[in-house]
Amino acid sequence: MEDEEDIAFPLVRTLEREGYDVSWVDSGQKALDTLATSPEVVILDLGLPDIDGLEVCRRAREAGFEGAIMIVTARAGELDRVVGLDYGADDYLAKPFGLAELQARVRALLRRTASSAQAGSTPPNGLRIDVDARRVYAGTEEVPLTGKEFEVLNILAANRDKVVSRGRLMADVWDENWYGSTKTLDVTIGRLRQKLESVGVTDRVVAVRGVGFRLEGGTPDA
């Protein structure tokens, strides 16, 4: 929720490359309307043209929005930080900031909201991989995967929270002498994400730009 394109576009591109679904709005009213879609994390600028970001934050919480809210603003004064947190913000990041720091804060907020949801509602589906049978389960529900999807997921799960390079995935899943496009890997990752999300798996396959992929979040079932 940012009205300046030169700030919003780099943030959108960076987060999308990390594997997140990102929506951008440029006004306070659009921001409030967007909250009806229940985003997991809101990145909120205070200097919106029609409604002040602090007021957007206050109204969001009054309306029952339970997602995480991170305020991002050039207002670095202590009073603004205190008011923002009192109005229901979960984090406060002063401009200018590094993209790496913002990404780390988003990951932390996602972990926090996932933990809160798990504590206060029905537990999310844990990911279980039966290597011998080459089958994957979300809770008690089997996730139908192709052979390549299974092999990619199995490697990522064996290296949970660590980045696995594109080169290693191509060599291990396809062939070390593969001469085709690595877009094959991107297509496989995209299908894998969709299948995991469709059954409520909390694990995320995150892209690390220029390096590879990482499986993070959730807790694997025994």
Protein backbone atom coordinates (compact mmCIF):
# COMPACT_ATOMS: atom_id res chain seq x y z
CA MET A 1 0.00 0.00 0.00
CA GLU A 2 2.23 2.74 -1.43
CA ASP A 3 1.36 5.70 -3.67
CA GLU A 4 4.82 6.21 -5.21
CA GLU A 5 5.46 3.94 -8.20
CA ASP A 6 9.26 4.20 -7.99
CA ILE A 7 9.06 2.70 -4.49
CA ALA A 8 6.21 0.25 -5.08
CA PHE A 9 7.46 -1.43 -8.26
CA PRO A 10 10.84 -2.60 -6.88
CA LEU A 11 9.09 -3.97 -3.79
CA VAL A 12 6.51 -5.84 -5.87
CA ARG A 13 9.17 -7.33 -8.16
CA THR A 14 11.39 -8.35 -5.24
CA LEU A 15 8.60 -10.07 -3.31
CA GLU A 16 7.23 -11.81 -6.40
CA ARG A 17 10.69 -13.21 -7.11
CA GLU A 18 10.65 -14.63 -3.59
CA GLY A 19 7.52 -16.57 -4.52
CA TYR A 20 4.87 -14.36 -2.88
CA ASP A 21 1.57 -13.34 -4.44
CA VAL A 22 1.65 -9.55 -4.33
CA SER A 23 -1.06 -6.93 -4.88
CA TRP A 24 -0.31 -3.19 -5.03
CA VAL A 25 -2.73 -0.35 -4.25
CA ASP A 26 -1.97 3.36 -4.18
CA SER A 27 -4.62 4.89 -1.91
CA GLY A 28 -6.06 4.46 1.55
CA GLN A 29 -9.56 3.56 0.33
CA LYS A 30 -8.19 0.94 -2.05
CA ALA A 31 -6.11 -0.38 0.84
CA LEU A 32 -9.18 -0.80 3.03
CA ASP A 33 -11.07 -2.47 0.17
CA THR A 34 -8.16 -4.86 -0.42
CA LEU A 35 -8.24 -6.05 3.20
CA ALA A 36 -11.45 -7.91 2.36
CA THR A 37 -9.24 -10.44 0.52
CA SER A 38 -7.48 -11.22 3.85
CA PRO A 39 -3.82 -10.81 2.87
CA GLU A 40 -1.33 -12.42 5.24
CA VAL A 41 0.95 -9.36 5.39
CA VAL A 42 0.23 -5.70 4.63
CA ILE A 43 3.11 -3.32 3.86
CA LEU A 44 1.58 0.07 4.60
CA ASP A 45 2.95 3.52 3.77
CA LEU A 46 1.72 6.30 6.05
CA GLY A 47 1.71 9.04 3.39
CA LEU A 48 -1.23 7.85 1.29
CA PRO A 49 -3.00 10.59 -0.69
CA ASP A 50 -6.58 10.24 0.60
CA ILE A 51 -6.47 8.55 4.03
CA ASP A 52 -3.48 8.67 6.35
CA GLY A 53 -1.82 5.28 6.79
CA LEU A 54 -2.27 5.40 10.56
CA GLU A 55 -6.01 5.80 10.05
CA VAL A 56 -5.99 2.88 7.59
CA CYS A 57 -4.25 0.77 10.22
CA ARG A 58 -6.75 1.78 12.92
CA ARG A 59 -9.78 1.08 10.72
CA ALA A 60 -8.35 -2.25 9.62
CA ARG A 61 -8.00 -3.48 13.18
CA GLU A 62 -11.42 -2.14 14.16
CA ALA A 63 -12.91 -4.07 11.23
CA GLY A 64 -11.31 -7.27 12.54
CA PHE A 65 -8.36 -7.64 10.15
CA GLU A 66 -6.03 -10.23 11.71
CA GLY A 67 -3.16 -10.25 9.22
CA ALA A 68 0.22 -8.68 9.94
CA ILE A 69 0.71 -4.97 9.26
CA MET A 70 4.16 -3.51 8.63
CA ILE A 71 4.35 0.29 8.45
CA VAL A 72 6.94 1.59 5.98
CA THR A 73 7.42 5.35 6.05
CA ALA A 74 9.80 8.28 5.96
CA ARG A 75 8.38 9.39 9.31
CA ALA A 76 11.09 8.16 11.64
CA GLY A 77 10.01 9.96 14.80
CA GLU A 78 9.39 7.97 17.98
CA LEU A 79 5.85 9.35 18.32
CA ASP A 80 4.82 8.04 14.90
CA ARG A 81 6.26 4.61 15.74
CA VAL A 82 4.44 4.50 19.05
CA VAL A 83 1.12 5.62 17.54
CA GLY A 84 1.47 3.11 14.71
CA LEU A 85 2.09 0.24 17.09
CA ASP A 86 -0.74 1.39 19.34
CA TYR A 87 -3.08 1.44 16.33
CA GLY A 88 -2.30 -2.21 15.69
CA ALA A 89 0.81 -2.33 13.49
CA ASP A 90 3.10 -5.33 14.04
CA ASP A 91 6.30 -3.77 12.73
CA TYR A 92 7.70 -0.39 11.67
CA LEU A 93 10.40 0.17 9.04
CA ALA A 94 11.79 3.64 8.35
CA LYS A 95 12.73 4.76 4.84
CA PRO A 96 15.25 4.43 3.32
CA PHE A 97 15.65 0.72 3.96
CA GLY A 98 17.41 -2.24 2.38
CA LEU A 99 15.38 -4.79 0.44
CA ALA A 100 17.11 -7.63 2.29
CA GLU A 101 15.93 -6.22 5.64
CA LEU A 102 12.37 -5.84 4.36
CA GLN A 103 12.36 -9.42 3.08
CA ALA A 104 13.62 -10.69 6.44
CA ARG A 105 10.91 -8.77 8.27
CA VAL A 106 8.21 -10.13 5.95
CA ARG A 107 9.41 -13.69 6.60
CA ALA A 108 9.34 -13.03 10.35
CA LEU A 109 5.78 -11.67 10.18
CA LEU A 110 4.63 -14.67 8.14
CA ARG A 111 6.11 -17.04 10.72
CA ARG A 112 4.39 -15.10 13.49
CA THR A 113 0.97 -15.11 11.81
CA ALA A 114 1.28 -18.80 10.97
CA SER A 115 2.08 -19.60 14.60
CA SER A 116 -0.88 -17.54 15.82
CA ALA A 117 -3.24 -19.25 13.41
CA GLN A 118 -1.98 -22.66 14.46
CA ALA A 119 -2.45 -21.84 18.15
CA GLY A 120 -5.95 -20.40 17.75
CA SER A 121 -7.62 -22.61 15.16
CA THR A 122 -7.59 -25.95 13.47
CA PRO A 123 -3.98 -26.99 12.90
CA PRO A 124 -2.78 -26.52 9.31
CA ASN A 125 -1.92 -29.49 7.16
CA GLY A 126 1.58 -30.73 7.82
CA LEU A 127 3.65 -32.05 4.94
CA ARG A 128 4.59 -35.73 5.07
CA ILE A 129 6.73 -37.47 2.49
CA ASP A 130 6.83 -41.25 2.18
CA VAL A 131 10.07 -41.68 0.26
CA ASP A 132 9.80 -45.45 -0.16
CA ALA A 133 6.28 -45.26 -1.57
CA ARG A 134 7.00 -41.96 -3.38
CA ARG A 135 3.83 -40.43 -1.97
CA VAL A 136 3.16 -37.05 -0.35
CA TYR A 137 0.47 -36.23 2.21
CA ALA A 138 -1.04 -33.02 3.57
CA GLY A 139 -2.31 -34.22 6.91
CA THR A 140 -4.22 -37.35 5.90
CA GLU A 141 -4.88 -36.22 2.33
CA GLU A 142 -2.59 -37.45 -0.43
CA VAL A 143 -1.18 -34.81 -2.78
CA PRO A 144 -1.01 -36.18 -6.35
CA LEU A 145 2.43 -35.29 -7.76
CA THR A 146 4.21 -36.24 -10.93
CA GLY A 147 7.56 -38.02 -10.67
CA LYS A 148 9.56 -34.83 -11.26
CA GLU A 149 7.44 -32.84 -8.80
CA PHE A 150 8.01 -35.50 -6.15
CA GLU A 151 11.77 -35.54 -6.70
CA VAL A 152 12.05 -31.74 -6.54
CA LEU A 153 9.97 -31.61 -3.34
CA ASN A 154 11.93 -34.45 -1.76
CA ILE A 155 15.25 -32.66 -2.34
CA LEU A 156 13.90 -29.35 -1.01
CA ALA A 157 12.40 -31.08 2.05
CA ALA A 158 15.70 -32.84 2.79
CA ASN A 159 17.31 -29.39 2.83
CA ARG A 160 14.49 -27.54 4.58
CA ASP A 161 15.18 -23.81 5.15
CA LYS A 162 18.33 -24.06 3.01
CA VAL A 163 18.71 -22.85 -0.56
CA VAL A 164 19.10 -25.61 -3.15
CA SER A 165 20.70 -24.33 -6.35
CA ARG A 166 18.98 -24.54 -9.71
CA GLY A 167 21.98 -26.44 -11.02
CA ARG A 168 21.71 -29.13 -8.37
CA LEU A 169 17.98 -29.57 -8.94
CA MET A 170 18.45 -29.84 -12.69
CA ALA A 171 21.29 -32.35 -12.29
CA ASP A 172 19.58 -34.50 -9.64
CA VAL A 173 16.05 -34.49 -11.02
CA TRP A 174 16.65 -34.33 -14.75
CA ASP A 175 20.23 -35.09 -15.82
CA GLU A 176 23.64 -33.57 -15.16
CA ASN A 177 24.08 -33.34 -18.94
CA TRP A 178 20.70 -31.66 -19.49
CA TYR A 179 20.97 -29.13 -22.32
CA GLY A 180 17.38 -27.91 -22.38
CA SER A 181 15.98 -24.73 -20.86
CA THR A 182 15.88 -24.45 -17.07
CA LYS A 183 12.36 -23.07 -17.55
CA THR A 184 11.39 -26.73 -17.20
CA LEU A 185 12.32 -26.41 -13.53
CA ASP A 186 10.30 -23.18 -13.13
CA VAL A 187 7.22 -24.83 -14.62
CA THR A 188 7.61 -27.82 -12.28
CA ILE A 189 8.05 -25.53 -9.26
CA GLY A 190 4.94 -23.56 -10.27
CA ARG A 191 2.79 -26.70 -10.47
CA LEU A 192 4.20 -27.95 -7.17
CA ARG A 193 3.33 -24.69 -5.42
CA GLN A 194 -0.23 -24.78 -6.74
CA LYS A 195 -0.78 -28.35 -5.61
CA LEU A 196 0.58 -27.73 -2.10
CA GLU A 197 -1.44 -24.52 -1.69
CA SER A 198 -4.65 -26.18 -2.94
CA VAL A 199 -4.63 -28.65 -0.02
CA GLY A 200 -3.66 -26.09 2.63
CA VAL A 201 -0.01 -27.04 3.14
CA THR A 202 1.71 -24.26 5.09
CA ASP A 203 5.15 -24.92 3.62
CA ARG A 204 6.25 -22.47 0.91
CA VAL A 205 8.63 -23.05 -1.98
CA VAL A 206 10.45 -19.73 -2.12
CA ALA A 207 12.56 -18.58 -5.06
CA VAL A 208 15.95 -17.04 -4.23
CA ARG A 209 16.79 -14.89 -7.21
CA GLY A 210 19.78 -16.04 -9.20
CA VAL A 211 20.46 -18.96 -6.87
CA GLY A 212 17.69 -21.52 -6.50
CA PHE A 213 14.79 -22.47 -4.25
CA ARG A 214 14.10 -23.02 -0.54
CA LEU A 215 11.33 -24.90 1.30
CA GLU A 216 10.33 -22.97 4.39
CA GLY A 217 7.53 -22.60 6.92
CA GLY A 218 5.24 -25.21 8.40
CA THR A 219 6.27 -28.22 10.45
CA PRO A 220 6.69 -31.58 8.74
CA ASP A 221 4.63 -34.42 10.18
CA ALA A 222 6.51 -37.42 11.50
